[in-house]
Amino acid sequence: SCEPRDTHIGWDKATREARLHLVVGNARFLILPHVRVVNLASYILSRVTRRLPGDWQLAYGYQPVLLETFVESARF
């Protein structure tokens, strides 16, 4: 459950339960400190976003409708 997300896209509890499988959560990925590439995280997320629907279609038989990622605002 993520109330801000659900409110933003207009999902009530029943809708969220029916459609939550269509949401892909990218909790984190690691970029080692010695790697110095401008906008690398954005580049990676962009590539993943383009590739993900086709990969999920092949693996699971459907395409997700939402990709979400979170930042620990206390740390960054």
N, C-alpha and C. Protein backbone atom coordinates (compact mmCIF):
# COMPACT_ATOMS: atom_id res chain seq x y z
N SER A 1 0.84 -1.18 0.00
CA SER A 1 0.00 0.00 0.00
C SER A 1 0.88 1.24 0.00
N CYS A 2 0.56 2.16 -0.88
CA CYS A 2 1.28 3.43 -0.95
C CYS A 2 0.23 4.52 -1.18
N GLU A 3 -0.26 5.07 -0.10
CA GLU A 3 -1.38 6.01 -0.18
C GLU A 3 -1.15 7.17 -1.14
N PRO A 4 0.02 7.83 -1.12
CA PRO A 4 0.21 8.94 -2.07
C PRO A 4 0.10 8.48 -3.53
N ARG A 5 0.66 7.32 -3.86
CA ARG A 5 0.55 6.79 -5.23
C ARG A 5 -0.89 6.48 -5.56
N ASP A 6 -1.55 5.75 -4.68
CA ASP A 6 -2.93 5.34 -4.93
C ASP A 6 -3.85 6.55 -5.09
N THR A 7 -3.65 7.56 -4.27
CA THR A 7 -4.45 8.78 -4.37
C THR A 7 -4.17 9.51 -5.67
N HIS A 8 -2.90 9.59 -6.04
CA HIS A 8 -2.51 10.30 -7.26
C HIS A 8 -3.14 9.66 -8.50
N ILE A 9 -3.16 8.34 -8.57
CA ILE A 9 -3.72 7.69 -9.75
C ILE A 9 -5.19 7.33 -9.60
N GLY A 10 -5.78 7.67 -8.45
CA GLY A 10 -7.21 7.52 -8.27
C GLY A 10 -7.68 6.12 -7.90
N TRP A 11 -6.83 5.34 -7.27
CA TRP A 11 -7.20 3.98 -6.89
C TRP A 11 -7.80 3.94 -5.50
N ASP A 12 -8.97 3.33 -5.40
CA ASP A 12 -9.49 3.00 -4.08
C ASP A 12 -8.93 1.63 -3.70
N LYS A 13 -9.31 1.12 -2.55
CA LYS A 13 -8.73 -0.14 -2.06
C LYS A 13 -9.01 -1.30 -3.01
N ALA A 14 -10.22 -1.41 -3.50
CA ALA A 14 -10.58 -2.53 -4.40
C ALA A 14 -9.82 -2.45 -5.72
N THR A 15 -9.69 -1.25 -6.26
CA THR A 15 -8.96 -1.08 -7.52
C THR A 15 -7.49 -1.40 -7.33
N ARG A 16 -6.92 -0.94 -6.21
CA ARG A 16 -5.51 -1.23 -5.94
C ARG A 16 -5.28 -2.73 -5.86
N GLU A 17 -6.14 -3.44 -5.15
CA GLU A 17 -5.99 -4.89 -5.03
C GLU A 17 -6.10 -5.58 -6.38
N ALA A 18 -6.95 -5.08 -7.26
CA ALA A 18 -7.14 -5.70 -8.58
C ALA A 18 -6.00 -5.38 -9.54
N ARG A 19 -5.35 -4.24 -9.36
CA ARG A 19 -4.36 -3.78 -10.36
C ARG A 19 -2.93 -3.68 -9.85
N LEU A 20 -2.68 -4.01 -8.61
CA LEU A 20 -1.34 -3.83 -8.06
C LEU A 20 -0.29 -4.63 -8.83
N HIS A 21 -0.67 -5.74 -9.42
CA HIS A 21 0.29 -6.53 -10.20
C HIS A 21 0.78 -5.78 -11.44
N LEU A 22 0.10 -4.70 -11.82
CA LEU A 22 0.51 -3.90 -12.98
C LEU A 22 1.54 -2.83 -12.62
N VAL A 23 1.90 -2.76 -11.34
CA VAL A 23 2.89 -1.78 -10.88
C VAL A 23 4.21 -2.49 -10.63
N VAL A 24 5.27 -1.96 -11.21
CA VAL A 24 6.61 -2.49 -10.97
C VAL A 24 7.33 -1.53 -10.05
N GLY A 25 7.84 -2.05 -8.95
CA GLY A 25 8.56 -1.22 -7.99
C GLY A 25 10.05 -1.43 -8.10
N ASN A 26 10.76 -0.36 -8.34
CA ASN A 26 12.21 -0.40 -8.38
C ASN A 26 12.70 0.20 -7.07
N ALA A 27 12.93 -0.67 -6.10
CA ALA A 27 13.27 -0.19 -4.76
C ALA A 27 14.64 0.48 -4.70
N ARG A 28 15.62 -0.10 -5.38
CA ARG A 28 16.96 0.48 -5.34
C ARG A 28 17.86 -0.19 -6.35
N PHE A 29 18.92 0.48 -6.67
CA PHE A 29 20.00 -0.14 -7.40
C PHE A 29 21.29 0.50 -6.92
N LEU A 30 22.37 -0.20 -7.12
CA LEU A 30 23.65 0.23 -6.56
C LEU A 30 24.55 0.79 -7.64
N ILE A 31 25.03 1.99 -7.42
CA ILE A 31 26.08 2.57 -8.25
C ILE A 31 27.26 2.77 -7.32
N LEU A 32 28.32 2.05 -7.58
CA LEU A 32 29.49 2.11 -6.71
C LEU A 32 30.12 3.50 -6.72
N PRO A 33 30.69 3.91 -5.59
CA PRO A 33 31.21 5.28 -5.47
C PRO A 33 32.29 5.63 -6.49
N HIS A 34 33.05 4.65 -6.94
CA HIS A 34 34.13 4.97 -7.88
C HIS A 34 33.62 5.17 -9.31
N VAL A 35 32.37 4.86 -9.58
CA VAL A 35 31.80 5.04 -10.91
C VAL A 35 31.34 6.49 -11.04
N ARG A 36 31.93 7.20 -11.97
CA ARG A 36 31.61 8.62 -12.15
C ARG A 36 31.09 8.83 -13.58
N VAL A 37 29.79 8.82 -13.73
CA VAL A 37 29.16 9.07 -15.02
C VAL A 37 28.02 10.06 -14.77
N VAL A 38 28.03 11.16 -15.51
CA VAL A 38 27.01 12.18 -15.33
C VAL A 38 25.64 11.59 -15.64
N ASN A 39 24.70 11.81 -14.73
CA ASN A 39 23.30 11.38 -14.90
C ASN A 39 23.15 9.87 -15.10
N LEU A 40 24.03 9.08 -14.53
CA LEU A 40 23.99 7.63 -14.72
C LEU A 40 22.69 7.02 -14.22
N ALA A 41 22.22 7.41 -13.06
CA ALA A 41 20.98 6.83 -12.52
C ALA A 41 19.80 7.12 -13.45
N SER A 42 19.70 8.31 -13.96
CA SER A 42 18.63 8.65 -14.90
C SER A 42 18.75 7.85 -16.18
N TYR A 43 19.96 7.67 -16.66
CA TYR A 43 20.20 6.88 -17.87
C TYR A 43 19.75 5.43 -17.66
N ILE A 44 20.11 4.86 -16.53
CA ILE A 44 19.73 3.47 -16.23
C ILE A 44 18.22 3.34 -16.14
N LEU A 45 17.57 4.24 -15.42
CA LEU A 45 16.11 4.18 -15.29
C LEU A 45 15.43 4.34 -16.65
N SER A 46 15.97 5.19 -17.49
CA SER A 46 15.41 5.39 -18.83
C SER A 46 15.51 4.11 -19.65
N ARG A 47 16.65 3.46 -19.62
CA ARG A 47 16.83 2.20 -20.37
C ARG A 47 15.91 1.11 -19.84
N VAL A 48 15.83 0.99 -18.52
CA VAL A 48 14.97 -0.02 -17.91
C VAL A 48 13.51 0.22 -18.29
N THR A 49 13.09 1.48 -18.25
CA THR A 49 11.71 1.84 -18.57
C THR A 49 11.34 1.43 -19.99
N ARG A 50 12.25 1.61 -20.92
CA ARG A 50 11.97 1.23 -22.31
C ARG A 50 11.95 -0.28 -22.51
N ARG A 51 12.80 -1.00 -21.82
CA ARG A 51 12.91 -2.44 -22.02
C ARG A 51 11.88 -3.25 -21.22
N LEU A 52 11.50 -2.75 -20.09
CA LEU A 52 10.67 -3.49 -19.15
C LEU A 52 9.35 -4.02 -19.71
N PRO A 53 8.54 -3.23 -20.44
CA PRO A 53 7.25 -3.76 -20.91
C PRO A 53 7.40 -5.03 -21.77
N GLY A 54 8.33 -5.04 -22.69
CA GLY A 54 8.53 -6.22 -23.53
C GLY A 54 9.02 -7.42 -22.75
N ASP A 55 9.94 -7.19 -21.82
CA ASP A 55 10.45 -8.28 -20.99
C ASP A 55 9.34 -8.90 -20.15
N TRP A 56 8.49 -8.04 -19.57
CA TRP A 56 7.39 -8.57 -18.75
C TRP A 56 6.36 -9.27 -19.60
N GLN A 57 6.13 -8.77 -20.80
CA GLN A 57 5.18 -9.44 -21.69
C GLN A 57 5.66 -10.86 -21.97
N LEU A 58 6.94 -11.01 -22.24
CA LEU A 58 7.49 -12.35 -22.50
C LEU A 58 7.46 -13.24 -21.26
N ALA A 59 7.80 -12.68 -20.13
CA ALA A 59 7.91 -13.48 -18.90
C ALA A 59 6.57 -13.77 -18.24
N TYR A 60 5.67 -12.77 -18.22
CA TYR A 60 4.46 -12.89 -17.43
C TYR A 60 3.16 -12.81 -18.23
N GLY A 61 3.26 -12.46 -19.50
CA GLY A 61 2.07 -12.41 -20.34
C GLY A 61 1.28 -11.12 -20.28
N TYR A 62 1.83 -10.09 -19.68
CA TYR A 62 1.18 -8.78 -19.66
C TYR A 62 2.24 -7.70 -19.49
N GLN A 63 1.88 -6.47 -19.79
CA GLN A 63 2.79 -5.35 -19.62
C GLN A 63 2.34 -4.50 -18.43
N PRO A 64 3.28 -4.09 -17.60
CA PRO A 64 2.93 -3.20 -16.48
C PRO A 64 2.50 -1.84 -17.01
N VAL A 65 1.75 -1.11 -16.20
CA VAL A 65 1.28 0.22 -16.58
C VAL A 65 1.96 1.33 -15.79
N LEU A 66 2.71 0.94 -14.74
CA LEU A 66 3.34 1.95 -13.89
C LEU A 66 4.65 1.40 -13.35
N LEU A 67 5.68 2.22 -13.42
CA LEU A 67 6.97 1.91 -12.83
C LEU A 67 7.24 2.97 -11.78
N GLU A 68 7.52 2.52 -10.57
CA GLU A 68 7.79 3.49 -9.51
C GLU A 68 9.14 3.20 -8.89
N THR A 69 9.77 4.27 -8.44
CA THR A 69 11.03 4.14 -7.75
C THR A 69 11.01 5.15 -6.60
N PHE A 70 11.69 4.84 -5.56
CA PHE A 70 11.67 5.68 -4.37
C PHE A 70 13.09 6.11 -4.02
N VAL A 71 13.19 7.29 -3.45
CA VAL A 71 14.46 7.82 -2.96
C VAL A 71 14.30 8.04 -1.46
N GLU A 72 15.30 7.62 -0.72
CA GLU A 72 15.30 7.87 0.72
C GLU A 72 15.62 9.34 0.93
N SER A 73 14.59 10.15 1.08
CA SER A 73 14.80 11.60 1.14
C SER A 73 15.65 12.04 2.32
N ALA A 74 15.67 11.26 3.38
CA ALA A 74 16.51 11.61 4.54
C ALA A 74 17.99 11.48 4.21
N ARG A 75 18.32 10.61 3.24
CA ARG A 75 19.72 10.39 2.88
C ARG A 75 20.17 11.20 1.68
N PHE A 76 19.23 11.56 0.79
CA PHE A 76 19.62 12.23 -0.46
C PHE A 76 18.83 13.50 -0.67
